N, C-alpha and C. Protein backbone atom coordinates (compact mmCIF):
# COMPACT_ATOMS: atom_id res chain seq x y z
N MET A 1 101.55 87.04 -91.80
CA MET A 1 100.97 88.10 -92.61
C MET A 1 102.03 88.83 -93.43
N PHE A 2 103.24 88.95 -92.89
CA PHE A 2 104.29 89.71 -93.56
C PHE A 2 105.37 88.82 -94.18
N LYS A 3 105.20 87.52 -94.08
CA LYS A 3 106.23 86.60 -94.57
C LYS A 3 106.44 86.79 -96.07
N ASN A 4 107.69 86.90 -96.46
CA ASN A 4 108.09 87.10 -97.87
C ASN A 4 107.58 88.41 -98.46
N LYS A 5 107.21 89.36 -97.60
CA LYS A 5 106.72 90.65 -98.07
C LYS A 5 107.76 91.74 -97.83
N THR A 6 107.79 92.71 -98.75
CA THR A 6 108.61 93.90 -98.56
C THR A 6 107.69 95.03 -98.13
N ILE A 7 108.02 95.67 -97.02
CA ILE A 7 107.15 96.67 -96.41
C ILE A 7 107.85 98.02 -96.41
N LEU A 8 107.12 99.04 -96.80
CA LEU A 8 107.63 100.42 -96.74
C LEU A 8 106.82 101.19 -95.70
N ILE A 9 107.50 101.82 -94.77
CA ILE A 9 106.84 102.66 -93.77
C ILE A 9 107.29 104.09 -94.01
N THR A 10 106.37 104.96 -94.47
CA THR A 10 106.72 106.38 -94.60
C THR A 10 106.61 107.02 -93.24
N GLY A 11 107.50 107.97 -92.96
CA GLY A 11 107.50 108.57 -91.63
C GLY A 11 107.84 107.55 -90.57
N GLY A 12 108.66 106.57 -90.94
CA GLY A 12 108.90 105.42 -90.08
C GLY A 12 109.85 105.63 -88.93
N THR A 13 110.34 106.86 -88.73
CA THR A 13 111.23 107.11 -87.59
C THR A 13 110.49 107.72 -86.40
N GLY A 14 109.17 107.87 -86.52
CA GLY A 14 108.37 108.37 -85.40
C GLY A 14 108.04 107.25 -84.43
N THR A 15 107.22 107.56 -83.44
CA THR A 15 106.85 106.58 -82.42
C THR A 15 106.18 105.36 -83.03
N LEU A 16 105.25 105.59 -83.94
CA LEU A 16 104.53 104.48 -84.58
C LEU A 16 105.49 103.63 -85.40
N GLY A 17 106.36 104.28 -86.18
CA GLY A 17 107.31 103.54 -87.00
C GLY A 17 108.21 102.65 -86.16
N LYS A 18 108.70 103.19 -85.07
CA LYS A 18 109.57 102.41 -84.19
C LYS A 18 108.82 101.21 -83.61
N GLY A 19 107.55 101.45 -83.25
CA GLY A 19 106.73 100.35 -82.74
C GLY A 19 106.52 99.26 -83.78
N LEU A 20 106.32 99.67 -85.03
CA LEU A 20 106.16 98.70 -86.11
C LEU A 20 107.44 97.90 -86.34
N LEU A 21 108.59 98.56 -86.24
CA LEU A 21 109.86 97.86 -86.41
C LEU A 21 110.05 96.80 -85.32
N GLU A 22 109.56 97.08 -84.11
CA GLU A 22 109.65 96.12 -83.02
C GLU A 22 108.76 94.91 -83.27
N ARG A 23 107.60 95.16 -83.87
CA ARG A 23 106.58 94.12 -83.98
C ARG A 23 106.65 93.29 -85.26
N ILE A 24 107.14 93.87 -86.34
CA ILE A 24 107.20 93.13 -87.61
C ILE A 24 108.53 92.40 -87.68
N THR A 25 108.50 91.10 -87.46
CA THR A 25 109.74 90.33 -87.36
C THR A 25 109.89 89.30 -88.47
N ASP A 26 108.85 89.09 -89.27
CA ASP A 26 108.90 88.01 -90.26
C ASP A 26 108.89 88.51 -91.70
N ALA A 27 109.09 89.79 -91.92
CA ALA A 27 109.04 90.34 -93.28
C ALA A 27 110.32 90.00 -94.05
N LYS A 28 110.19 89.95 -95.37
CA LYS A 28 111.35 89.76 -96.23
C LYS A 28 112.29 90.96 -96.11
N GLU A 29 111.70 92.17 -96.12
CA GLU A 29 112.48 93.39 -95.97
C GLU A 29 111.58 94.51 -95.47
N ILE A 30 112.13 95.35 -94.60
CA ILE A 30 111.43 96.56 -94.15
C ILE A 30 112.24 97.76 -94.59
N GLN A 31 111.54 98.72 -95.19
CA GLN A 31 112.17 99.97 -95.59
C GLN A 31 111.51 101.12 -94.85
N VAL A 32 112.32 102.02 -94.33
CA VAL A 32 111.82 103.20 -93.62
C VAL A 32 112.17 104.43 -94.44
N PHE A 33 111.16 105.20 -94.77
CA PHE A 33 111.32 106.41 -95.58
C PHE A 33 110.95 107.60 -94.72
N SER A 34 111.89 108.50 -94.48
CA SER A 34 111.58 109.66 -93.64
C SER A 34 112.57 110.79 -93.91
N ARG A 35 112.24 111.97 -93.37
CA ARG A 35 113.10 113.14 -93.52
C ARG A 35 114.11 113.27 -92.40
N SER A 36 113.97 112.47 -91.36
CA SER A 36 114.77 112.66 -90.15
C SER A 36 116.12 111.94 -90.24
N GLU A 37 117.14 112.66 -90.63
CA GLU A 37 118.48 112.11 -90.71
C GLU A 37 118.96 111.65 -89.33
N THR A 38 118.70 112.44 -88.31
CA THR A 38 119.16 112.13 -86.96
C THR A 38 118.55 110.82 -86.45
N GLU A 39 117.23 110.68 -86.61
CA GLU A 39 116.55 109.48 -86.13
C GLU A 39 116.97 108.25 -86.93
N GLN A 40 117.15 108.42 -88.23
CA GLN A 40 117.60 107.28 -89.05
C GLN A 40 118.98 106.82 -88.61
N ASN A 41 119.84 107.77 -88.31
CA ASN A 41 121.20 107.42 -87.87
C ASN A 41 121.18 106.65 -86.56
N LYS A 42 120.25 107.00 -85.67
CA LYS A 42 120.13 106.28 -84.39
C LYS A 42 119.61 104.87 -84.62
N LEU A 43 118.57 104.76 -85.45
CA LEU A 43 117.88 103.48 -85.62
C LEU A 43 118.67 102.46 -86.44
N LYS A 44 119.56 102.93 -87.30
CA LYS A 44 120.26 101.98 -88.17
C LYS A 44 121.15 101.02 -87.37
N TYR A 45 121.57 101.43 -86.17
CA TYR A 45 122.37 100.55 -85.32
C TYR A 45 121.48 99.56 -84.55
N GLU A 46 120.28 100.01 -84.24
CA GLU A 46 119.34 99.16 -83.51
C GLU A 46 118.67 98.15 -84.43
N TYR A 47 118.49 98.54 -85.71
CA TYR A 47 117.83 97.66 -86.69
C TYR A 47 118.70 97.56 -87.94
N PRO A 48 119.79 96.80 -87.86
CA PRO A 48 120.75 96.75 -88.98
C PRO A 48 120.19 96.14 -90.26
N LYS A 49 119.12 95.37 -90.16
CA LYS A 49 118.55 94.73 -91.35
C LYS A 49 117.54 95.62 -92.08
N VAL A 50 117.16 96.72 -91.45
CA VAL A 50 116.19 97.63 -92.04
C VAL A 50 116.89 98.56 -93.03
N LYS A 51 116.24 98.81 -94.15
CA LYS A 51 116.78 99.74 -95.15
C LYS A 51 116.21 101.12 -94.87
N PHE A 52 117.06 102.10 -94.62
CA PHE A 52 116.63 103.46 -94.32
C PHE A 52 116.85 104.35 -95.54
N ILE A 53 115.81 105.10 -95.90
CA ILE A 53 115.84 105.96 -97.08
C ILE A 53 115.49 107.38 -96.66
N LEU A 54 116.38 108.32 -96.92
CA LEU A 54 116.10 109.72 -96.63
C LEU A 54 115.26 110.32 -97.75
N GLY A 55 114.21 111.02 -97.38
CA GLY A 55 113.39 111.66 -98.40
C GLY A 55 112.10 112.17 -97.82
N SER A 56 111.41 112.98 -98.61
CA SER A 56 110.14 113.56 -98.20
C SER A 56 109.03 113.07 -99.12
N VAL A 57 107.86 112.80 -98.55
CA VAL A 57 106.73 112.39 -99.39
C VAL A 57 106.29 113.52 -100.31
N ALA A 58 106.72 114.75 -100.00
CA ALA A 58 106.40 115.88 -100.88
C ALA A 58 107.23 115.86 -102.16
N ASP A 59 108.22 114.99 -102.21
CA ASP A 59 109.10 114.84 -103.38
C ASP A 59 108.69 113.57 -104.12
N TYR A 60 107.96 113.71 -105.22
CA TYR A 60 107.42 112.53 -105.91
C TYR A 60 108.51 111.57 -106.39
N PRO A 61 109.56 112.01 -107.08
CA PRO A 61 110.58 111.05 -107.53
C PRO A 61 111.17 110.23 -106.38
N ALA A 62 111.32 110.85 -105.21
CA ALA A 62 111.90 110.15 -104.06
C ALA A 62 110.98 109.04 -103.58
N ILE A 63 109.70 109.34 -103.42
CA ILE A 63 108.77 108.32 -102.93
C ILE A 63 108.51 107.27 -104.00
N ARG A 64 108.53 107.68 -105.26
CA ARG A 64 108.34 106.71 -106.35
C ARG A 64 109.46 105.68 -106.36
N ASN A 65 110.68 106.13 -106.20
CA ASN A 65 111.81 105.20 -106.16
C ASN A 65 111.74 104.28 -104.95
N ALA A 66 111.29 104.81 -103.84
CA ALA A 66 111.22 104.02 -102.61
C ALA A 66 110.18 102.90 -102.71
N ILE A 67 109.13 103.12 -103.48
CA ILE A 67 108.02 102.16 -103.55
C ILE A 67 108.29 101.01 -104.53
N ARG A 68 109.36 101.09 -105.29
CA ARG A 68 109.66 100.02 -106.25
C ARG A 68 109.85 98.68 -105.52
N GLY A 69 109.10 97.67 -105.97
CA GLY A 69 109.24 96.33 -105.42
C GLY A 69 108.59 96.11 -104.07
N VAL A 70 107.81 97.07 -103.60
CA VAL A 70 107.18 96.98 -102.27
C VAL A 70 105.82 96.29 -102.37
N ASP A 71 105.50 95.49 -101.36
CA ASP A 71 104.22 94.78 -101.32
C ASP A 71 103.19 95.49 -100.45
N ILE A 72 103.64 96.07 -99.33
CA ILE A 72 102.74 96.72 -98.37
C ILE A 72 103.30 98.09 -98.03
N VAL A 73 102.46 99.12 -98.12
CA VAL A 73 102.86 100.47 -97.75
C VAL A 73 102.05 100.91 -96.53
N ILE A 74 102.75 101.36 -95.50
CA ILE A 74 102.11 101.96 -94.34
C ILE A 74 102.51 103.43 -94.36
N HIS A 75 101.54 104.27 -94.69
CA HIS A 75 101.82 105.70 -94.90
C HIS A 75 101.54 106.47 -93.61
N ALA A 76 102.62 106.68 -92.85
CA ALA A 76 102.50 107.37 -91.56
C ALA A 76 103.14 108.76 -91.57
N ALA A 77 103.78 109.13 -92.68
CA ALA A 77 104.45 110.43 -92.74
C ALA A 77 103.43 111.56 -92.65
N ALA A 78 103.64 112.48 -91.74
CA ALA A 78 102.71 113.60 -91.57
C ALA A 78 103.32 114.66 -90.67
N LEU A 79 102.85 115.88 -90.85
CA LEU A 79 103.08 116.93 -89.85
C LEU A 79 101.87 116.90 -88.94
N LYS A 80 102.07 116.69 -87.64
CA LYS A 80 100.94 116.40 -86.77
C LYS A 80 100.79 117.35 -85.58
N TYR A 81 101.73 118.27 -85.38
CA TYR A 81 101.59 119.17 -84.24
C TYR A 81 100.56 120.25 -84.57
N ILE A 82 99.48 120.25 -83.83
CA ILE A 82 98.34 121.09 -84.16
C ILE A 82 98.69 122.57 -84.17
N ASP A 83 99.45 123.02 -83.17
CA ASP A 83 99.76 124.45 -83.10
C ASP A 83 100.66 124.89 -84.25
N LEU A 84 101.63 124.05 -84.62
CA LEU A 84 102.51 124.39 -85.74
C LEU A 84 101.75 124.39 -87.07
N ALA A 85 100.81 123.45 -87.20
CA ALA A 85 100.00 123.39 -88.43
C ALA A 85 99.14 124.65 -88.57
N GLU A 86 98.63 125.16 -87.45
CA GLU A 86 97.81 126.38 -87.49
C GLU A 86 98.64 127.58 -87.96
N LYS A 87 99.91 127.62 -87.55
CA LYS A 87 100.76 128.75 -87.89
C LYS A 87 101.38 128.61 -89.28
N GLN A 88 101.55 127.35 -89.73
CA GLN A 88 102.18 127.12 -91.03
C GLN A 88 101.35 126.12 -91.85
N PRO A 89 100.13 126.51 -92.21
CA PRO A 89 99.24 125.58 -92.92
C PRO A 89 99.79 125.10 -94.26
N ARG A 90 100.56 125.96 -94.93
CA ARG A 90 101.12 125.57 -96.24
C ARG A 90 101.96 124.29 -96.11
N GLU A 91 102.82 124.26 -95.08
CA GLU A 91 103.69 123.10 -94.90
C GLU A 91 102.88 121.86 -94.53
N CYS A 92 101.85 122.06 -93.73
CA CYS A 92 101.00 120.94 -93.34
C CYS A 92 100.28 120.35 -94.56
N VAL A 93 99.77 121.21 -95.42
CA VAL A 93 99.11 120.77 -96.65
C VAL A 93 100.11 120.09 -97.57
N ARG A 94 101.32 120.64 -97.66
CA ARG A 94 102.34 120.09 -98.55
C ARG A 94 102.64 118.62 -98.19
N THR A 95 102.76 118.35 -96.89
CA THR A 95 103.10 117.00 -96.45
C THR A 95 101.86 116.10 -96.38
N ASN A 96 100.82 116.55 -95.69
CA ASN A 96 99.69 115.67 -95.39
C ASN A 96 98.76 115.45 -96.57
N VAL A 97 98.64 116.45 -97.44
CA VAL A 97 97.75 116.32 -98.60
C VAL A 97 98.54 116.00 -99.86
N LEU A 98 99.43 116.91 -100.27
CA LEU A 98 100.19 116.68 -101.50
C LEU A 98 101.11 115.45 -101.35
N GLY A 99 101.66 115.25 -100.15
CA GLY A 99 102.49 114.07 -99.91
C GLY A 99 101.68 112.79 -100.05
N SER A 100 100.44 112.82 -99.58
CA SER A 100 99.57 111.64 -99.70
C SER A 100 99.22 111.37 -101.16
N ILE A 101 98.99 112.43 -101.92
CA ILE A 101 98.75 112.27 -103.36
C ILE A 101 99.96 111.61 -104.02
N ASN A 102 101.15 112.03 -103.64
CA ASN A 102 102.37 111.43 -104.20
C ASN A 102 102.47 109.95 -103.87
N VAL A 103 102.15 109.60 -102.63
CA VAL A 103 102.19 108.19 -102.23
C VAL A 103 101.19 107.38 -103.05
N ILE A 104 99.97 107.89 -103.17
CA ILE A 104 98.93 107.20 -103.94
C ILE A 104 99.36 107.00 -105.39
N GLU A 105 99.84 108.05 -106.01
CA GLU A 105 100.23 107.97 -107.42
C GLU A 105 101.42 107.04 -107.62
N ALA A 106 102.35 107.06 -106.68
CA ALA A 106 103.50 106.16 -106.77
C ALA A 106 103.05 104.70 -106.66
N VAL A 107 102.12 104.44 -105.74
CA VAL A 107 101.57 103.09 -105.58
C VAL A 107 100.84 102.65 -106.85
N GLN A 108 100.04 103.53 -107.41
CA GLN A 108 99.30 103.20 -108.63
C GLN A 108 100.24 102.98 -109.81
N ASP A 109 101.32 103.75 -109.89
CA ASP A 109 102.30 103.56 -110.96
C ASP A 109 103.04 102.24 -110.82
N GLU A 110 103.31 101.85 -109.57
CA GLU A 110 104.06 100.62 -109.33
C GLU A 110 103.22 99.39 -109.68
N LYS A 111 101.94 99.43 -109.37
CA LYS A 111 100.95 98.40 -109.74
C LYS A 111 101.04 97.08 -108.97
N ASN A 112 102.18 96.80 -108.33
CA ASN A 112 102.32 95.52 -107.63
C ASN A 112 102.07 95.61 -106.13
N VAL A 113 101.81 96.81 -105.62
CA VAL A 113 101.56 96.97 -104.19
C VAL A 113 100.20 96.33 -103.85
N GLU A 114 100.18 95.48 -102.84
CA GLU A 114 98.95 94.78 -102.47
C GLU A 114 98.00 95.67 -101.67
N ILE A 115 98.56 96.39 -100.71
CA ILE A 115 97.71 97.23 -99.86
C ILE A 115 98.50 98.45 -99.41
N CYS A 116 97.81 99.57 -99.32
CA CYS A 116 98.39 100.82 -98.83
C CYS A 116 97.50 101.33 -97.70
N ILE A 117 98.05 101.39 -96.51
CA ILE A 117 97.31 101.82 -95.32
C ILE A 117 97.68 103.27 -95.01
N GLY A 118 96.70 104.15 -94.95
CA GLY A 118 96.94 105.53 -94.57
C GLY A 118 96.66 105.71 -93.09
N ILE A 119 97.61 106.28 -92.36
CA ILE A 119 97.43 106.51 -90.93
C ILE A 119 96.79 107.87 -90.73
N SER A 120 95.55 107.87 -90.31
CA SER A 120 94.80 109.10 -90.11
C SER A 120 94.75 109.42 -88.62
N THR A 121 93.78 110.21 -88.21
CA THR A 121 93.73 110.68 -86.82
C THR A 121 92.29 110.88 -86.35
N ASP A 122 92.10 110.76 -85.05
CA ASP A 122 90.78 111.06 -84.49
C ASP A 122 90.42 112.53 -84.64
N LYS A 123 91.43 113.38 -84.93
CA LYS A 123 91.17 114.81 -85.11
C LYS A 123 90.32 115.10 -86.35
N VAL A 124 90.13 114.07 -87.20
CA VAL A 124 89.30 114.23 -88.39
C VAL A 124 87.83 114.45 -88.01
N ALA A 125 87.42 113.81 -86.92
CA ALA A 125 86.01 113.90 -86.51
C ALA A 125 85.67 115.35 -86.16
N TYR A 126 84.71 115.92 -86.88
CA TYR A 126 84.32 117.33 -86.68
C TYR A 126 85.56 118.24 -86.69
N ALA A 127 86.38 118.07 -87.72
CA ALA A 127 87.67 118.77 -87.79
C ALA A 127 87.50 120.28 -87.64
N ARG A 128 88.28 120.86 -86.74
CA ARG A 128 88.25 122.30 -86.51
C ARG A 128 89.62 122.94 -86.69
N ASN A 129 90.61 122.12 -87.03
CA ASN A 129 91.96 122.66 -87.17
C ASN A 129 92.59 122.17 -88.47
N VAL A 130 93.69 122.80 -88.84
CA VAL A 130 94.36 122.49 -90.11
C VAL A 130 94.77 121.02 -90.17
N TYR A 131 95.36 120.53 -89.09
CA TYR A 131 95.81 119.14 -89.07
C TYR A 131 94.66 118.18 -89.35
N GLY A 132 93.56 118.32 -88.62
CA GLY A 132 92.41 117.45 -88.81
C GLY A 132 91.84 117.55 -90.22
N CYS A 133 91.79 118.77 -90.75
CA CYS A 133 91.25 118.97 -92.11
C CYS A 133 92.14 118.32 -93.16
N THR A 134 93.47 118.42 -93.01
CA THR A 134 94.35 117.81 -94.00
C THR A 134 94.24 116.29 -93.97
N LYS A 135 94.06 115.73 -92.78
CA LYS A 135 93.91 114.28 -92.68
C LYS A 135 92.55 113.82 -93.22
N HIS A 136 91.55 114.67 -93.06
CA HIS A 136 90.24 114.36 -93.65
C HIS A 136 90.36 114.27 -95.17
N ILE A 137 91.09 115.19 -95.76
CA ILE A 137 91.31 115.16 -97.21
C ILE A 137 92.09 113.90 -97.59
N MET A 138 93.09 113.54 -96.78
CA MET A 138 93.84 112.31 -97.05
C MET A 138 92.92 111.10 -97.11
N GLU A 139 92.00 111.02 -96.15
CA GLU A 139 91.05 109.90 -96.15
C GLU A 139 90.23 109.87 -97.44
N LYS A 140 89.77 111.03 -97.87
CA LYS A 140 88.98 111.12 -99.10
C LYS A 140 89.82 110.68 -100.31
N LEU A 141 91.09 111.06 -100.31
CA LEU A 141 91.99 110.68 -101.40
C LEU A 141 92.20 109.17 -101.44
N PHE A 142 92.34 108.55 -100.29
CA PHE A 142 92.52 107.10 -100.24
C PHE A 142 91.25 106.38 -100.69
N TYR A 143 90.11 106.93 -100.30
CA TYR A 143 88.84 106.33 -100.73
C TYR A 143 88.70 106.41 -102.24
N GLU A 144 89.04 107.56 -102.80
CA GLU A 144 88.99 107.73 -104.26
C GLU A 144 89.96 106.78 -104.95
N ALA A 145 91.16 106.65 -104.39
CA ALA A 145 92.18 105.79 -105.00
C ALA A 145 91.73 104.33 -105.07
N GLN A 146 90.96 103.91 -104.08
CA GLN A 146 90.48 102.54 -104.06
C GLN A 146 89.67 102.21 -105.31
N HIS A 147 88.96 103.19 -105.84
CA HIS A 147 88.10 102.95 -106.99
C HIS A 147 88.82 103.14 -108.32
N ASN A 148 90.13 103.43 -108.26
CA ASN A 148 90.91 103.63 -109.47
C ASN A 148 92.19 102.81 -109.48
N SER A 149 92.18 101.71 -108.74
CA SER A 149 93.41 100.94 -108.60
C SER A 149 93.11 99.50 -108.22
N LYS A 150 94.01 98.59 -108.56
CA LYS A 150 93.91 97.20 -108.12
C LYS A 150 94.43 97.04 -106.70
N THR A 151 95.23 97.99 -106.25
CA THR A 151 95.73 97.99 -104.88
C THR A 151 94.60 98.30 -103.91
N LYS A 152 94.60 97.65 -102.75
CA LYS A 152 93.64 97.99 -101.70
C LYS A 152 94.16 99.22 -100.95
N PHE A 153 93.31 100.21 -100.84
CA PHE A 153 93.62 101.41 -100.05
C PHE A 153 92.64 101.48 -98.89
N CYS A 154 93.14 101.74 -97.70
CA CYS A 154 92.24 101.98 -96.57
C CYS A 154 92.96 102.85 -95.55
N CYS A 155 92.21 103.38 -94.60
CA CYS A 155 92.78 104.25 -93.56
C CYS A 155 92.40 103.75 -92.18
N VAL A 156 93.27 103.99 -91.23
CA VAL A 156 92.92 103.77 -89.82
C VAL A 156 93.09 105.11 -89.10
N ARG A 157 92.18 105.39 -88.22
CA ARG A 157 92.26 106.64 -87.44
C ARG A 157 93.01 106.37 -86.13
N TYR A 158 94.19 106.90 -86.11
CA TYR A 158 95.11 106.78 -84.97
C TYR A 158 94.60 107.70 -83.86
N GLY A 159 94.75 107.27 -82.62
CA GLY A 159 94.30 108.10 -81.51
C GLY A 159 95.45 108.67 -80.71
N ASN A 160 95.16 109.10 -79.49
CA ASN A 160 96.19 109.62 -78.59
C ASN A 160 96.95 108.44 -77.98
N VAL A 161 98.21 108.30 -78.33
CA VAL A 161 99.02 107.20 -77.83
C VAL A 161 99.92 107.71 -76.71
N LYS A 162 99.91 107.01 -75.60
CA LYS A 162 100.60 107.48 -74.40
C LYS A 162 102.07 107.80 -74.63
N ALA A 163 102.75 106.94 -75.38
CA ALA A 163 104.20 107.07 -75.49
C ALA A 163 104.65 107.91 -76.68
N SER A 164 103.72 108.46 -77.43
CA SER A 164 104.10 109.10 -78.69
C SER A 164 104.79 110.44 -78.47
N ASN A 165 105.59 110.84 -79.48
CA ASN A 165 106.25 112.13 -79.43
C ASN A 165 105.22 113.25 -79.39
N GLY A 166 105.43 114.21 -78.49
CA GLY A 166 104.49 115.32 -78.40
C GLY A 166 103.25 115.04 -77.58
N SER A 167 103.19 113.86 -76.98
CA SER A 167 102.02 113.51 -76.16
C SER A 167 101.90 114.45 -74.96
N VAL A 168 100.67 114.72 -74.57
CA VAL A 168 100.43 115.57 -73.40
C VAL A 168 101.00 114.93 -72.14
N PHE A 169 101.22 113.61 -72.16
CA PHE A 169 101.83 112.94 -71.02
C PHE A 169 103.22 113.49 -70.75
N GLN A 170 103.96 113.79 -71.81
CA GLN A 170 105.31 114.35 -71.64
C GLN A 170 105.24 115.71 -70.95
N ILE A 171 104.27 116.51 -71.34
CA ILE A 171 104.09 117.83 -70.73
C ILE A 171 103.75 117.67 -69.25
N TRP A 172 102.80 116.77 -68.96
CA TRP A 172 102.38 116.56 -67.57
C TRP A 172 103.54 116.04 -66.71
N GLN A 173 104.32 115.11 -67.26
CA GLN A 173 105.45 114.56 -66.50
C GLN A 173 106.45 115.65 -66.15
N ASN A 174 106.74 116.53 -67.10
CA ASN A 174 107.67 117.63 -66.84
C ASN A 174 107.11 118.59 -65.80
N GLN A 175 105.79 118.84 -65.87
CA GLN A 175 105.17 119.74 -64.90
C GLN A 175 105.23 119.15 -63.49
N ILE A 176 105.02 117.85 -63.38
CA ILE A 176 105.07 117.18 -62.08
C ILE A 176 106.49 117.23 -61.51
N LYS A 177 107.49 116.96 -62.37
CA LYS A 177 108.89 116.98 -61.92
C LYS A 177 109.28 118.36 -61.39
N GLN A 178 108.74 119.41 -62.02
CA GLN A 178 109.09 120.78 -61.62
C GLN A 178 108.17 121.33 -60.54
N GLY A 179 107.24 120.49 -60.04
CA GLY A 179 106.34 120.94 -58.99
C GLY A 179 105.31 121.94 -59.47
N MET A 180 105.03 121.94 -60.75
CA MET A 180 104.06 122.87 -61.33
C MET A 180 102.68 122.23 -61.38
N PRO A 181 101.63 123.04 -61.46
CA PRO A 181 100.28 122.47 -61.62
C PRO A 181 100.15 121.83 -63.00
N ILE A 182 99.35 120.77 -63.06
CA ILE A 182 99.11 120.09 -64.33
C ILE A 182 98.07 120.88 -65.11
N THR A 183 98.40 121.26 -66.32
CA THR A 183 97.49 122.07 -67.13
C THR A 183 96.56 121.17 -67.95
N VAL A 184 95.31 121.52 -67.97
CA VAL A 184 94.32 120.85 -68.82
C VAL A 184 93.52 121.92 -69.55
N THR A 185 92.98 121.55 -70.70
CA THR A 185 92.21 122.51 -71.49
C THR A 185 90.96 122.94 -70.74
N ASP A 186 90.27 121.96 -70.18
CA ASP A 186 89.02 122.23 -69.46
C ASP A 186 88.78 121.07 -68.51
N GLU A 187 88.34 121.36 -67.30
CA GLU A 187 88.14 120.30 -66.31
C GLU A 187 87.07 119.30 -66.73
N ARG A 188 86.20 119.70 -67.64
CA ARG A 188 85.12 118.80 -68.11
C ARG A 188 85.57 117.90 -69.25
N THR A 189 86.79 118.11 -69.72
CA THR A 189 87.28 117.36 -70.88
C THR A 189 87.49 115.89 -70.53
N THR A 190 87.06 115.03 -71.44
CA THR A 190 87.37 113.61 -71.36
C THR A 190 88.28 113.27 -72.53
N ARG A 191 89.39 112.62 -72.24
CA ARG A 191 90.32 112.27 -73.31
C ARG A 191 90.64 110.78 -73.23
N PHE A 192 90.70 110.15 -74.38
CA PHE A 192 90.93 108.71 -74.45
C PHE A 192 92.32 108.42 -75.00
N PHE A 193 93.01 107.46 -74.40
CA PHE A 193 94.37 107.13 -74.81
C PHE A 193 94.49 105.65 -75.18
N LEU A 194 95.39 105.39 -76.11
CA LEU A 194 95.72 104.04 -76.52
C LEU A 194 97.14 103.71 -76.07
N GLU A 195 97.37 102.44 -75.79
CA GLU A 195 98.73 101.96 -75.66
C GLU A 195 99.29 101.80 -77.08
N LEU A 196 100.59 101.92 -77.24
CA LEU A 196 101.20 101.80 -78.56
C LEU A 196 100.88 100.44 -79.19
N ASP A 197 100.96 99.38 -78.39
CA ASP A 197 100.67 98.05 -78.93
C ASP A 197 99.23 97.93 -79.43
N GLU A 198 98.31 98.61 -78.76
CA GLU A 198 96.91 98.59 -79.21
C GLU A 198 96.78 99.26 -80.57
N ALA A 199 97.48 100.38 -80.75
CA ALA A 199 97.44 101.09 -82.02
C ALA A 199 98.02 100.24 -83.15
N ILE A 200 99.11 99.54 -82.86
CA ILE A 200 99.73 98.69 -83.87
C ILE A 200 98.85 97.48 -84.18
N ASP A 201 98.23 96.90 -83.16
CA ASP A 201 97.29 95.79 -83.38
C ASP A 201 96.18 96.21 -84.34
N PHE A 202 95.72 97.44 -84.18
CA PHE A 202 94.64 97.98 -85.01
C PHE A 202 95.09 98.06 -86.47
N ILE A 203 96.33 98.51 -86.69
CA ILE A 203 96.88 98.59 -88.05
C ILE A 203 97.01 97.19 -88.65
N PHE A 204 97.51 96.25 -87.86
CA PHE A 204 97.64 94.87 -88.35
C PHE A 204 96.27 94.29 -88.71
N TYR A 205 95.28 94.59 -87.88
CA TYR A 205 93.92 94.11 -88.16
C TYR A 205 93.43 94.65 -89.50
N ALA A 206 93.70 95.93 -89.77
CA ALA A 206 93.26 96.55 -91.02
C ALA A 206 93.97 95.91 -92.21
N ILE A 207 95.27 95.68 -92.08
CA ILE A 207 96.02 95.05 -93.17
C ILE A 207 95.47 93.66 -93.48
N LYS A 208 95.16 92.93 -92.45
CA LYS A 208 94.70 91.54 -92.61
C LYS A 208 93.28 91.47 -93.14
N ASN A 209 92.39 92.39 -92.73
CA ASN A 209 90.97 92.25 -93.01
C ASN A 209 90.39 93.23 -94.02
N SER A 210 91.18 94.22 -94.43
CA SER A 210 90.65 95.23 -95.34
C SER A 210 90.24 94.64 -96.69
N GLN A 211 89.09 95.06 -97.15
CA GLN A 211 88.64 94.73 -98.50
C GLN A 211 88.93 95.89 -99.46
N GLY A 212 89.33 97.03 -98.89
CA GLY A 212 89.64 98.23 -99.66
C GLY A 212 88.54 99.27 -99.54
N GLY A 213 88.95 100.51 -99.30
CA GLY A 213 88.00 101.62 -99.22
C GLY A 213 87.49 101.94 -97.84
N GLU A 214 87.91 101.17 -96.83
CA GLU A 214 87.40 101.42 -95.48
C GLU A 214 88.15 102.55 -94.78
N ILE A 215 87.48 103.17 -93.83
CA ILE A 215 88.13 104.02 -92.85
C ILE A 215 87.86 103.37 -91.50
């Protein structure tokens, strides 16, 4: 699926990005675009063949330059911590909404991108918080872009991944180590989790089968 393809992963230094770097082994080139200088510096030794680009999706010239010559874009860059988004909605909108607009416009300007996958979230369903609302708008933007471009645009709704940064599993593990009670929002709550490989399989399925415009 990725043979002779150049792939750009925005926000590629997060848990999902690292998982994708592990799984995509047959691409012509992989480029990781992110704001995290520290994480890029760590990963460049582990993945010497990957091209790392520092930049923010909120900066249009930066993302436009990164997308040159790319065949597949996986747009995972986002501010995703719900509590921080509630306190600083401007920054969440800047990255998740305006950043997504920049990615879409850069892809449309480039014209040679085959498919652009937007990584959304289950928090979109009946969104009650800033994070979920910004991702809902991102989905709408990708749907609109599909009808104004030769590139296929689609979204996948990412769920709670056990190993991801900021996962409640990390909080619970620390509480157990310290002999503290495990905190839950409500005893009646049911929460569903994905393994990282399951989440990546889902993204690969979308890339392979998308006709464009799906969520």
